[in-house]
């Protein structure tokens, strides 16, 4: 049985995304930028949902 330290789903997603990150090559640059955009969107969505819970 493998014991894995508890990790939040967000952290797991970050680790997975880091593993998928393409190497810095000419071809990889474009997808690097796309990943950056995705991350910003994820962050704002998470922040908005947290704020909604605090207000409610």
PDB file of N, CA and C in Angstrom:
ATOM      1  N   UNK A   1       0.861  -1.200   0.000  1.00  0.00           N
ATOM      2  CA  UNK A   1       0.000   0.000   0.000  1.00  0.00           C
ATOM      3  C   UNK A   1       0.890   1.241   0.000  1.00  0.00           C
ATOM      4  N   UNK A   2       0.615   2.104  -0.952  1.00  0.00           N
ATOM      5  CA  UNK A   2       1.432   3.317  -1.089  1.00  0.00           C
ATOM      6  C   UNK A   2       0.772   4.459  -0.334  1.00  0.00           C
ATOM      7  N   UNK A   3       1.515   5.069   0.565  1.00  0.00           N
ATOM      8  CA  UNK A   3       0.969   6.179   1.349  1.00  0.00           C
ATOM      9  C   UNK A   3       1.338   7.490   0.673  1.00  0.00           C
ATOM     10  N   UNK A   4       0.311   8.231   0.256  1.00  0.00           N
ATOM     11  CA  UNK A   4       0.542   9.505  -0.420  1.00  0.00           C
ATOM     12  C   UNK A   4       0.094  10.623   0.508  1.00  0.00           C
ATOM     13  N   UNK A   5       0.918  11.645   0.709  1.00  0.00           N
ATOM     14  CA  UNK A   5       0.479  12.757   1.560  1.00  0.00           C
ATOM     15  C   UNK A   5      -0.770  13.416   0.989  1.00  0.00           C
ATOM     16  N   UNK A   6      -1.670  13.815   1.884  1.00  0.00           N
ATOM     17  CA  UNK A   6      -2.916  14.430   1.450  1.00  0.00           C
ATOM     18  C   UNK A   6      -2.622  15.707   0.679  1.00  0.00           C
ATOM     19  N   UNK A   7      -3.344  15.891  -0.419  1.00  0.00           N
ATOM     20  CA  UNK A   7      -3.100  17.049  -1.261  1.00  0.00           C
ATOM     21  C   UNK A   7      -4.434  17.562  -1.755  1.00  0.00           C
ATOM     22  N   UNK A   8      -4.592  18.858  -1.758  1.00  0.00           N
ATOM     23  CA  UNK A   8      -5.854  19.418  -2.218  1.00  0.00           C
ATOM     24  C   UNK A   8      -5.977  19.195  -3.722  1.00  0.00           C
ATOM     25  N   UNK A   9      -7.204  19.117  -4.250  1.00  0.00           N
ATOM     26  CA  UNK A   9      -7.392  18.939  -5.699  1.00  0.00           C
ATOM     27  C   UNK A   9      -6.661  20.021  -6.500  1.00  0.00           C
ATOM     28  N   UNK A  10      -6.626  21.247  -5.959  1.00  0.00           N
ATOM     29  CA  UNK A  10      -5.949  22.331  -6.675  1.00  0.00           C
ATOM     30  C   UNK A  10      -4.463  22.038  -6.793  1.00  0.00           C
ATOM     31  N   UNK A  11      -3.858  21.553  -5.704  1.00  0.00           N
ATOM     32  CA  UNK A  11      -2.426  21.234  -5.748  1.00  0.00           C
ATOM     33  C   UNK A  11      -2.167  20.101  -6.737  1.00  0.00           C
ATOM     34  N   UNK A  12      -3.039  19.097  -6.726  1.00  0.00           N
ATOM     35  CA  UNK A  12      -2.878  17.981  -7.649  1.00  0.00           C
ATOM     36  C   UNK A  12      -2.928  18.485  -9.085  1.00  0.00           C
ATOM     37  N   UNK A  13      -3.856  19.398  -9.364  1.00  0.00           N
ATOM     38  CA  UNK A  13      -3.961  19.954 -10.715  1.00  0.00           C
ATOM     39  C   UNK A  13      -2.691  20.705 -11.075  1.00  0.00           C
ATOM     40  N   UNK A  14      -2.137  21.459 -10.109  1.00  0.00           N
ATOM     41  CA  UNK A  14      -0.910  22.206 -10.383  1.00  0.00           C
ATOM     42  C   UNK A  14       0.227  21.240 -10.737  1.00  0.00           C
ATOM     43  N   UNK A  15       0.365  20.181  -9.953  1.00  0.00           N
ATOM     44  CA  UNK A  15       1.447  19.221 -10.204  1.00  0.00           C
ATOM     45  C   UNK A  15       1.267  18.601 -11.582  1.00  0.00           C
ATOM     46  N   UNK A  16       0.032  18.221 -11.907  1.00  0.00           N
ATOM     47  CA  UNK A  16      -0.228  17.607 -13.203  1.00  0.00           C
ATOM     48  C   UNK A  16       0.103  18.592 -14.326  1.00  0.00           C
ATOM     49  N   UNK A  17      -0.309  19.854 -14.137  1.00  0.00           N
ATOM     50  CA  UNK A  17      -0.066  20.860 -15.170  1.00  0.00           C
ATOM     51  C   UNK A  17       1.434  21.074 -15.355  1.00  0.00           C
ATOM     52  N   UNK A  18       2.181  21.083 -14.238  1.00  0.00           N
ATOM     53  CA  UNK A  18       3.631  21.259 -14.346  1.00  0.00           C
ATOM     54  C   UNK A  18       4.258  20.099 -15.105  1.00  0.00           C
ATOM     55  N   UNK A  19       3.743  18.894 -14.885  1.00  0.00           N
ATOM     56  CA  UNK A  19       4.281  17.727 -15.573  1.00  0.00           C
ATOM     57  C   UNK A  19       3.991  17.816 -17.072  1.00  0.00           C
ATOM     58  N   UNK A  20       2.832  18.399 -17.421  1.00  0.00           N
ATOM     59  CA  UNK A  20       2.452  18.481 -18.832  1.00  0.00           C
ATOM     60  C   UNK A  20       3.136  19.644 -19.544  1.00  0.00           C
ATOM     61  N   UNK A  21       3.732  20.568 -18.772  1.00  0.00           N
ATOM     62  CA  UNK A  21       4.289  21.783 -19.386  1.00  0.00           C
ATOM     63  C   UNK A  21       5.329  21.424 -20.447  1.00  0.00           C
ATOM     64  N   UNK A  22       5.166  21.930 -21.659  1.00  0.00           N
ATOM     65  CA  UNK A  22       6.123  21.621 -22.728  1.00  0.00           C
ATOM     66  C   UNK A  22       7.466  22.308 -22.472  1.00  0.00           C
ATOM     67  N   UNK A  23       8.523  21.734 -23.028  1.00  0.00           N
ATOM     68  CA  UNK A  23       9.851  22.326 -22.880  1.00  0.00           C
ATOM     69  C   UNK A  23       9.894  23.646 -23.651  1.00  0.00           C
ATOM     70  N   UNK A  24      10.798  24.527 -23.226  1.00  0.00           N
ATOM     71  CA  UNK A  24      10.894  25.842 -23.862  1.00  0.00           C
ATOM     72  C   UNK A  24      11.577  25.715 -25.223  1.00  0.00           C
ATOM     73  N   UNK A  25      10.803  25.335 -26.207  1.00  0.00           N
ATOM     74  CA  UNK A  25      11.293  25.313 -27.578  1.00  0.00           C
ATOM     75  C   UNK A  25      10.441  26.276 -28.376  1.00  0.00           C
ATOM     76  N   UNK A  26      10.811  26.507 -29.621  1.00  0.00           N
ATOM     77  CA  UNK A  26      10.031  27.437 -30.444  1.00  0.00           C
ATOM     78  C   UNK A  26       8.580  26.956 -30.535  1.00  0.00           C
ATOM     79  N   UNK A  27       8.404  25.649 -30.693  1.00  0.00           N
ATOM     80  CA  UNK A  27       7.046  25.108 -30.782  1.00  0.00           C
ATOM     81  C   UNK A  27       6.342  25.177 -29.427  1.00  0.00           C
ATOM     82  N   UNK A  28       7.105  24.997 -28.347  1.00  0.00           N
ATOM     83  CA  UNK A  28       6.501  24.968 -27.027  1.00  0.00           C
ATOM     84  C   UNK A  28       6.058  26.334 -26.532  1.00  0.00           C
ATOM     85  N   UNK A  29       6.663  27.398 -27.063  1.00  0.00           N
ATOM     86  CA  UNK A  29       6.344  28.741 -26.571  1.00  0.00           C
ATOM     87  C   UNK A  29       4.847  29.030 -26.629  1.00  0.00           C
ATOM     88  N   UNK A  30       4.208  28.689 -27.754  1.00  0.00           N
ATOM     89  CA  UNK A  30       2.800  29.043 -27.933  1.00  0.00           C
ATOM     90  C   UNK A  30       1.944  28.356 -26.877  1.00  0.00           C
ATOM     91  N   UNK A  31       2.198  27.071 -26.628  1.00  0.00           N
ATOM     92  CA  UNK A  31       1.389  26.360 -25.630  1.00  0.00           C
ATOM     93  C   UNK A  31       1.724  26.842 -24.224  1.00  0.00           C
ATOM     94  N   UNK A  32       2.968  27.306 -23.997  1.00  0.00           N
ATOM     95  CA  UNK A  32       3.304  27.888 -22.692  1.00  0.00           C
ATOM     96  C   UNK A  32       2.404  29.094 -22.427  1.00  0.00           C
ATOM     97  N   UNK A  33       2.254  29.958 -23.441  1.00  0.00           N
ATOM     98  CA  UNK A  33       1.413  31.139 -23.276  1.00  0.00           C
ATOM     99  C   UNK A  33      -0.023  30.717 -22.987  1.00  0.00           C
ATOM    100  N   UNK A  34      -0.513  29.693 -23.697  1.00  0.00           N
ATOM    101  CA  UNK A  34      -1.889  29.237 -23.489  1.00  0.00           C
ATOM    102  C   UNK A  34      -2.058  28.739 -22.053  1.00  0.00           C
ATOM    103  N   UNK A  35      -1.076  27.989 -21.563  1.00  0.00           N
ATOM    104  CA  UNK A  35      -1.159  27.494 -20.183  1.00  0.00           C
ATOM    105  C   UNK A  35      -1.223  28.664 -19.210  1.00  0.00           C
ATOM    106  N   UNK A  36      -0.429  29.692 -19.463  1.00  0.00           N
ATOM    107  CA  UNK A  36      -0.449  30.860 -18.595  1.00  0.00           C
ATOM    108  C   UNK A  36      -1.822  31.492 -18.548  1.00  0.00           C
ATOM    109  N   UNK A  37      -2.465  31.629 -19.718  1.00  0.00           N
ATOM    110  CA  UNK A  37      -3.813  32.204 -19.750  1.00  0.00           C
ATOM    111  C   UNK A  37      -4.783  31.333 -18.964  1.00  0.00           C
ATOM    112  N   UNK A  38      -4.705  30.022 -19.169  1.00  0.00           N
ATOM    113  CA  UNK A  38      -5.608  29.115 -18.455  1.00  0.00           C
ATOM    114  C   UNK A  38      -5.447  29.278 -16.950  1.00  0.00           C
ATOM    115  N   UNK A  39      -4.191  29.407 -16.497  1.00  0.00           N
ATOM    116  CA  UNK A  39      -3.955  29.493 -15.053  1.00  0.00           C
ATOM    117  C   UNK A  39      -4.598  30.753 -14.480  1.00  0.00           C
ATOM    118  N   UNK A  40      -4.469  31.880 -15.207  1.00  0.00           N
ATOM    119  CA  UNK A  40      -5.059  33.125 -14.711  1.00  0.00           C
ATOM    120  C   UNK A  40      -6.572  32.968 -14.606  1.00  0.00           C
ATOM    121  N   UNK A  41      -7.189  32.365 -15.606  1.00  0.00           N
ATOM    122  CA  UNK A  41      -8.643  32.172 -15.587  1.00  0.00           C
ATOM    123  C   UNK A  41      -9.028  31.312 -14.385  1.00  0.00           C
ATOM    124  N   UNK A  42      -8.292  30.205 -14.156  1.00  0.00           N
ATOM    125  CA  UNK A  42      -8.599  29.319 -13.032  1.00  0.00           C
ATOM    126  C   UNK A  42      -8.543  30.101 -11.722  1.00  0.00           C
ATOM    127  N   UNK A  43      -7.496  30.925 -11.583  1.00  0.00           N
ATOM    128  CA  UNK A  43      -7.315  31.637 -10.330  1.00  0.00           C
ATOM    129  C   UNK A  43      -8.478  32.581 -10.067  1.00  0.00           C
ATOM    130  N   UNK A  44      -8.898  33.338 -11.090  1.00  0.00           N
ATOM    131  CA  UNK A  44      -9.968  34.302 -10.862  1.00  0.00           C
ATOM    132  C   UNK A  44     -11.278  33.575 -10.573  1.00  0.00           C
ATOM    133  N   UNK A  45     -11.523  32.460 -11.236  1.00  0.00           N
ATOM    134  CA  UNK A  45     -12.753  31.706 -10.984  1.00  0.00           C
ATOM    135  C   UNK A  45     -12.771  31.231  -9.536  1.00  0.00           C
ATOM    136  N   UNK A  46     -11.630  30.685  -9.064  1.00  0.00           N
ATOM    137  CA  UNK A  46     -11.560  30.194  -7.689  1.00  0.00           C
ATOM    138  C   UNK A  46     -11.795  31.346  -6.719  1.00  0.00           C
ATOM    139  N   UNK A  47     -11.140  32.497  -6.987  1.00  0.00           N
ATOM    140  CA  UNK A  47     -11.268  33.636  -6.074  1.00  0.00           C
ATOM    141  C   UNK A  47     -12.727  34.098  -6.031  1.00  0.00           C
ATOM    142  N   UNK A  48     -13.383  34.153  -7.194  1.00  0.00           N
ATOM    143  CA  UNK A  48     -14.771  34.607  -7.227  1.00  0.00           C
ATOM    144  C   UNK A  48     -15.673  33.665  -6.435  1.00  0.00           C
ATOM    145  N   UNK A  49     -15.479  32.361  -6.584  1.00  0.00           N
ATOM    146  CA  UNK A  49     -16.337  31.422  -5.862  1.00  0.00           C
ATOM    147  C   UNK A  49     -16.093  31.536  -4.361  1.00  0.00           C
ATOM    148  N   UNK A  50     -14.842  31.778  -3.951  1.00  0.00           N
ATOM    149  CA  UNK A  50     -14.565  31.943  -2.514  1.00  0.00           C
ATOM    150  C   UNK A  50     -15.272  33.194  -1.992  1.00  0.00           C
ATOM    151  N   UNK A  51     -15.183  34.292  -2.758  1.00  0.00           N
ATOM    152  CA  UNK A  51     -15.822  35.529  -2.319  1.00  0.00           C
ATOM    153  C   UNK A  51     -17.337  35.339  -2.202  1.00  0.00           C
ATOM    154  N   UNK A  52     -17.941  34.619  -3.142  1.00  0.00           N
ATOM    155  CA  UNK A  52     -19.382  34.391  -3.091  1.00  0.00           C
ATOM    156  C   UNK A  52     -19.759  33.676  -1.790  1.00  0.00           C
ATOM    157  N   UNK A  53     -18.941  32.685  -1.392  1.00  0.00           N
ATOM    158  CA  UNK A  53     -19.254  31.945  -0.169  1.00  0.00           C
ATOM    159  C   UNK A  53     -19.150  32.851   1.054  1.00  0.00           C
ATOM    160  N   UNK A  54     -18.143  33.741   1.063  1.00  0.00           N
ATOM    161  CA  UNK A  54     -17.983  34.623   2.222  1.00  0.00           C
ATOM    162  C   UNK A  54     -19.166  35.584   2.338  1.00  0.00           C
ATOM    163  N   UNK A  55     -19.646  36.073   1.178  1.00  0.00           N
ATOM    164  CA  UNK A  55     -20.749  37.040   1.196  1.00  0.00           C
ATOM    165  C   UNK A  55     -22.036  36.351   1.668  1.00  0.00           C
ATOM    166  N   UNK A  56     -22.288  35.132   1.185  1.00  0.00           N
ATOM    167  CA  UNK A  56     -23.548  34.444   1.471  1.00  0.00           C
ATOM    168  C   UNK A  56     -23.693  34.093   2.951  1.00  0.00           C
TER     169      UNK A  56
END
